[in-house]
Amino acid sequence: MEVPEVRTWVIFYLLSFVVLLVATFITTQNAGQLWISLMLIIIIVGVNLCLLVSELKRYQDRKAFMHKMSVFDETETDRDSSGRRW
C-alpha cells in the first residue's frame, strides 16, 4: 500500500470510529432513537465490507497482472536453432 492510501484509510477508520461512538451514545440515552444508531451501524459495516471486498479484488487483479508480467513467453523468437537464448 502506498503512503497516500494509508492516510486515506486512517482517516476513514477514524471517522468510522467516531460514528460508532455516536451510535453508542444514542443507544445509551434511551430516547427512543434506537433505529438511528442501528442505521448508523449498518451503514458503517456495509461501507467497510464493500471497501474491503473492492480492496481484495484490486489486490487479486494486481497480483494476476504481476504474475502475467513475470512469466516469460516461450514462443518468442529470441532463441536460436539450438535452443540457446541470444
N, C-alpha and C. Protein backbone atom coordinates (compact mmCIF):
# COMPACT_ATOMS: atom_id res chain seq x y z
N MET A 1 0.83 -1.18 0.00
CA MET A 1 0.00 0.00 0.00
C MET A 1 0.88 1.24 0.00
N GLU A 2 0.56 2.18 -0.85
CA GLU A 2 1.33 3.41 -0.89
C GLU A 2 0.93 4.32 0.27
N VAL A 3 1.76 5.31 0.54
CA VAL A 3 1.53 6.21 1.68
C VAL A 3 0.21 6.98 1.56
N PRO A 4 -0.15 7.56 0.40
CA PRO A 4 -1.44 8.27 0.34
C PRO A 4 -2.64 7.37 0.65
N GLU A 5 -2.56 6.10 0.23
CA GLU A 5 -3.65 5.18 0.52
C GLU A 5 -3.75 4.91 2.02
N VAL A 6 -2.62 4.80 2.70
CA VAL A 6 -2.63 4.55 4.13
C VAL A 6 -3.26 5.73 4.86
N ARG A 7 -2.93 6.93 4.44
CA ARG A 7 -3.52 8.12 5.06
C ARG A 7 -5.03 8.13 4.88
N THR A 8 -5.49 7.76 3.70
CA THR A 8 -6.93 7.73 3.44
C THR A 8 -7.61 6.71 4.32
N TRP A 9 -7.00 5.53 4.47
CA TRP A 9 -7.60 4.51 5.32
C TRP A 9 -7.62 4.93 6.77
N VAL A 10 -6.59 5.59 7.25
CA VAL A 10 -6.56 6.03 8.64
C VAL A 10 -7.69 7.03 8.90
N ILE A 11 -7.85 7.98 8.00
CA ILE A 11 -8.93 8.97 8.16
C ILE A 11 -10.29 8.29 8.10
N PHE A 12 -10.46 7.36 7.17
CA PHE A 12 -11.73 6.66 7.04
C PHE A 12 -12.07 5.89 8.32
N TYR A 13 -11.10 5.15 8.87
CA TYR A 13 -11.39 4.37 10.06
C TYR A 13 -11.56 5.24 11.30
N LEU A 14 -10.90 6.39 11.36
CA LEU A 14 -11.15 7.32 12.46
C LEU A 14 -12.57 7.87 12.39
N LEU A 15 -13.03 8.22 11.19
CA LEU A 15 -14.40 8.68 11.04
C LEU A 15 -15.41 7.57 11.37
N SER A 16 -15.10 6.35 10.96
CA SER A 16 -15.97 5.22 11.29
C SER A 16 -16.05 5.02 12.79
N PHE A 17 -14.93 5.16 13.47
CA PHE A 17 -14.92 5.00 14.92
C PHE A 17 -15.76 6.09 15.59
N VAL A 18 -15.67 7.31 15.09
CA VAL A 18 -16.46 8.40 15.65
C VAL A 18 -17.96 8.14 15.45
N VAL A 19 -18.32 7.66 14.27
CA VAL A 19 -19.74 7.36 14.01
C VAL A 19 -20.21 6.25 14.93
N LEU A 20 -19.40 5.23 15.16
CA LEU A 20 -19.80 4.17 16.07
C LEU A 20 -19.91 4.67 17.51
N LEU A 21 -19.06 5.61 17.91
CA LEU A 21 -19.19 6.21 19.24
C LEU A 21 -20.48 7.01 19.35
N VAL A 22 -20.84 7.74 18.32
CA VAL A 22 -22.10 8.49 18.32
C VAL A 22 -23.28 7.52 18.40
N ALA A 23 -23.21 6.42 17.65
CA ALA A 23 -24.28 5.42 17.70
C ALA A 23 -24.40 4.82 19.10
N THR A 24 -23.28 4.56 19.75
CA THR A 24 -23.30 4.04 21.12
C THR A 24 -23.90 5.06 22.08
N PHE A 25 -23.55 6.32 21.91
CA PHE A 25 -24.11 7.38 22.74
C PHE A 25 -25.62 7.48 22.57
N ILE A 26 -26.09 7.42 21.32
CA ILE A 26 -27.54 7.49 21.06
C ILE A 26 -28.24 6.29 21.68
N THR A 27 -27.62 5.12 21.62
CA THR A 27 -28.22 3.91 22.18
C THR A 27 -28.35 4.01 23.69
N THR A 28 -27.38 4.57 24.35
CA THR A 28 -27.40 4.64 25.82
C THR A 28 -28.34 5.71 26.35
N GLN A 29 -28.82 6.62 25.54
CA GLN A 29 -29.68 7.70 26.01
C GLN A 29 -31.12 7.27 26.23
N ASN A 30 -31.54 6.15 25.70
CA ASN A 30 -32.91 5.62 25.86
C ASN A 30 -33.96 6.65 25.48
N ALA A 31 -33.72 7.39 24.43
CA ALA A 31 -34.67 8.41 24.00
C ALA A 31 -35.57 7.89 22.87
N GLY A 32 -35.58 6.61 22.65
CA GLY A 32 -36.42 6.05 21.59
C GLY A 32 -35.81 6.19 20.21
N GLN A 33 -34.55 6.49 20.14
CA GLN A 33 -33.89 6.68 18.85
C GLN A 33 -32.95 5.52 18.54
N LEU A 34 -33.35 4.36 18.92
CA LEU A 34 -32.53 3.17 18.70
C LEU A 34 -32.35 2.89 17.21
N TRP A 35 -33.35 3.22 16.41
CA TRP A 35 -33.27 2.95 14.98
C TRP A 35 -32.19 3.79 14.31
N ILE A 36 -31.93 4.98 14.83
CA ILE A 36 -30.88 5.82 14.26
C ILE A 36 -29.51 5.18 14.47
N SER A 37 -29.26 4.72 15.68
CA SER A 37 -27.97 4.09 15.95
C SER A 37 -27.82 2.79 15.18
N LEU A 38 -28.90 2.02 15.06
CA LEU A 38 -28.84 0.79 14.28
C LEU A 38 -28.56 1.09 12.81
N MET A 39 -29.18 2.13 12.27
CA MET A 39 -28.96 2.52 10.89
C MET A 39 -27.50 2.96 10.68
N LEU A 40 -26.95 3.73 11.61
CA LEU A 40 -25.56 4.15 11.50
C LEU A 40 -24.61 2.96 11.52
N ILE A 41 -24.88 2.01 12.40
CA ILE A 41 -24.02 0.83 12.49
C ILE A 41 -24.10 0.00 11.20
N ILE A 42 -25.31 -0.17 10.67
CA ILE A 42 -25.46 -0.94 9.43
C ILE A 42 -24.76 -0.24 8.27
N ILE A 43 -24.84 1.08 8.20
CA ILE A 43 -24.18 1.82 7.12
C ILE A 43 -22.67 1.68 7.22
N ILE A 44 -22.13 1.85 8.43
CA ILE A 44 -20.67 1.75 8.61
C ILE A 44 -20.17 0.34 8.28
N VAL A 45 -20.86 -0.67 8.77
CA VAL A 45 -20.44 -2.05 8.49
C VAL A 45 -20.55 -2.35 7.00
N GLY A 46 -21.62 -1.87 6.35
CA GLY A 46 -21.80 -2.09 4.92
C GLY A 46 -20.72 -1.42 4.09
N VAL A 47 -20.40 -0.17 4.42
CA VAL A 47 -19.37 0.55 3.68
C VAL A 47 -18.00 -0.12 3.88
N ASN A 48 -17.71 -0.51 5.13
CA ASN A 48 -16.44 -1.21 5.40
C ASN A 48 -16.35 -2.51 4.62
N LEU A 49 -17.45 -3.25 4.57
CA LEU A 49 -17.45 -4.52 3.83
C LEU A 49 -17.24 -4.29 2.34
N CYS A 50 -17.92 -3.30 1.78
CA CYS A 50 -17.76 -3.00 0.35
C CYS A 50 -16.32 -2.58 0.04
N LEU A 51 -15.75 -1.74 0.88
CA LEU A 51 -14.37 -1.31 0.65
C LEU A 51 -13.39 -2.46 0.80
N LEU A 52 -13.64 -3.34 1.75
CA LEU A 52 -12.76 -4.50 1.93
C LEU A 52 -12.82 -5.41 0.72
N VAL A 53 -14.02 -5.67 0.20
CA VAL A 53 -14.16 -6.53 -0.98
C VAL A 53 -13.48 -5.89 -2.19
N SER A 54 -13.65 -4.57 -2.36
CA SER A 54 -13.02 -3.91 -3.51
C SER A 54 -11.50 -3.92 -3.38
N GLU A 55 -10.97 -3.76 -2.17
CA GLU A 55 -9.52 -3.83 -1.98
C GLU A 55 -8.98 -5.23 -2.26
N LEU A 56 -9.70 -6.25 -1.81
CA LEU A 56 -9.27 -7.62 -2.09
C LEU A 56 -9.31 -7.92 -3.59
N LYS A 57 -10.34 -7.43 -4.27
CA LYS A 57 -10.42 -7.63 -5.72
C LYS A 57 -9.29 -6.90 -6.43
N ARG A 58 -8.98 -5.68 -5.99
CA ARG A 58 -7.89 -4.92 -6.59
C ARG A 58 -6.54 -5.61 -6.34
N TYR A 59 -6.37 -6.16 -5.15
CA TYR A 59 -5.13 -6.89 -4.84
C TYR A 59 -4.99 -8.12 -5.72
N GLN A 60 -6.08 -8.86 -5.91
CA GLN A 60 -6.02 -10.04 -6.77
C GLN A 60 -5.74 -9.67 -8.21
N ASP A 61 -6.34 -8.58 -8.69
CA ASP A 61 -6.06 -8.12 -10.05
C ASP A 61 -4.59 -7.72 -10.21
N ARG A 62 -4.07 -7.01 -9.22
CA ARG A 62 -2.66 -6.60 -9.28
C ARG A 62 -1.74 -7.81 -9.23
N LYS A 63 -2.09 -8.78 -8.40
CA LYS A 63 -1.27 -10.00 -8.29
C LYS A 63 -1.29 -10.78 -9.61
N ALA A 64 -2.46 -10.89 -10.24
CA ALA A 64 -2.56 -11.59 -11.52
C ALA A 64 -1.78 -10.84 -12.60
N PHE A 65 -1.84 -9.51 -12.59
CA PHE A 65 -1.09 -8.72 -13.56
C PHE A 65 0.41 -8.90 -13.37
N MET A 66 0.87 -8.88 -12.13
CA MET A 66 2.30 -9.06 -11.86
C MET A 66 2.75 -10.47 -12.25
N HIS A 67 1.89 -11.47 -12.01
CA HIS A 67 2.23 -12.83 -12.42
C HIS A 67 2.31 -12.93 -13.94
N LYS A 68 1.36 -12.28 -14.62
CA LYS A 68 1.37 -12.31 -16.08
C LYS A 68 2.61 -11.62 -16.63
N MET A 69 3.04 -10.55 -15.99
CA MET A 69 4.21 -9.83 -16.45
C MET A 69 5.51 -10.58 -16.15
N SER A 70 5.49 -11.42 -15.12
CA SER A 70 6.72 -12.12 -14.75
C SER A 70 6.94 -13.41 -15.52
N VAL A 71 5.90 -13.91 -16.14
CA VAL A 71 6.03 -15.16 -16.89
C VAL A 71 6.60 -14.83 -18.27
N PHE A 72 7.66 -15.55 -18.63
CA PHE A 72 8.27 -15.33 -19.93
C PHE A 72 7.53 -16.14 -20.98
N ASP A 73 7.31 -15.53 -22.10
CA ASP A 73 6.64 -16.21 -23.19
C ASP A 73 7.66 -17.07 -23.93
N GLU A 74 7.45 -18.37 -23.96
CA GLU A 74 8.40 -19.28 -24.57
C GLU A 74 8.29 -19.30 -26.10
N THR A 75 7.30 -18.65 -26.66
CA THR A 75 7.15 -18.67 -28.11
C THR A 75 7.88 -17.50 -28.77
N GLU A 76 8.62 -16.75 -28.02
CA GLU A 76 9.38 -15.63 -28.57
C GLU A 76 10.48 -16.15 -29.50
N THR A 77 10.96 -15.30 -30.37
CA THR A 77 12.00 -15.69 -31.33
C THR A 77 13.38 -15.29 -30.84
N ASP A 78 13.59 -15.19 -29.53
CA ASP A 78 14.90 -14.80 -29.02
C ASP A 78 15.80 -16.02 -28.78
N ARG A 79 15.44 -17.15 -29.31
CA ARG A 79 16.26 -18.36 -29.20
C ARG A 79 16.73 -18.78 -30.59
N ASP A 80 17.92 -19.30 -30.63
CA ASP A 80 18.42 -19.77 -31.92
C ASP A 80 17.96 -21.23 -32.12
N SER A 81 18.45 -21.85 -33.18
CA SER A 81 18.00 -23.19 -33.54
C SER A 81 18.42 -24.24 -32.52
N SER A 82 19.49 -23.99 -31.74
CA SER A 82 19.93 -24.97 -30.74
C SER A 82 19.21 -24.79 -29.41
N GLY A 83 18.36 -23.77 -29.28
CA GLY A 83 17.58 -23.58 -28.07
C GLY A 83 18.19 -22.60 -27.10
N ARG A 84 19.36 -22.05 -27.44
CA ARG A 84 20.01 -21.09 -26.54
C ARG A 84 19.46 -19.68 -26.79
N ARG A 85 19.42 -18.92 -25.72
CA ARG A 85 19.00 -17.52 -25.87
C ARG A 85 20.17 -16.71 -26.38
N TRP A 86 19.92 -15.69 -27.16
CA TRP A 86 20.98 -14.84 -27.66
C TRP A 86 20.76 -13.41 -27.28
